[in-house]
C-alpha atoms as a PDB file:
ATOM      1  CA  MET A   1       2.584  33.628  10.003  1.00  0.00           C
ATOM      2  CA  ASN A   2       0.073  34.278  12.760  1.00  0.00           C
ATOM      3  CA  LYS A   3      -2.762  32.204  12.099  1.00  0.00           C
ATOM      4  CA  GLU A   4      -0.571  29.208  11.134  1.00  0.00           C
ATOM      5  CA  GLN A   5       1.183  29.160  14.046  1.00  0.00           C
ATOM      6  CA  GLU A   6      -1.888  29.514  16.405  1.00  0.00           C
ATOM      7  CA  GLN A   7      -3.529  26.439  14.765  1.00  0.00           C
ATOM      8  CA  SER A   8      -0.305  24.600  15.217  1.00  0.00           C
ATOM      9  CA  ARG A   9      -0.673  25.419  19.051  1.00  0.00           C
ATOM     10  CA  ALA A  10      -4.168  23.840  18.946  1.00  0.00           C
ATOM     11  CA  LYS A  11      -2.902  20.792  18.653  1.00  0.00           C
ATOM     12  CA  TYR A  12       0.098  21.090  21.038  1.00  0.00           C
ATOM     13  CA  THR A  13      -2.402  22.083  23.466  1.00  0.00           C
ATOM     14  CA  PRO A  14      -5.780  20.764  22.837  1.00  0.00           C
ATOM     15  CA  LEU A  15      -6.942  20.305  26.446  1.00  0.00           C
ATOM     16  CA  VAL A  16      -5.430  23.703  27.547  1.00  0.00           C
END
């Protein structure tokens, strides 16, 4: 459950 969380973060901080 690490890759799924990493992709979810990209949506939260697309600029950062």
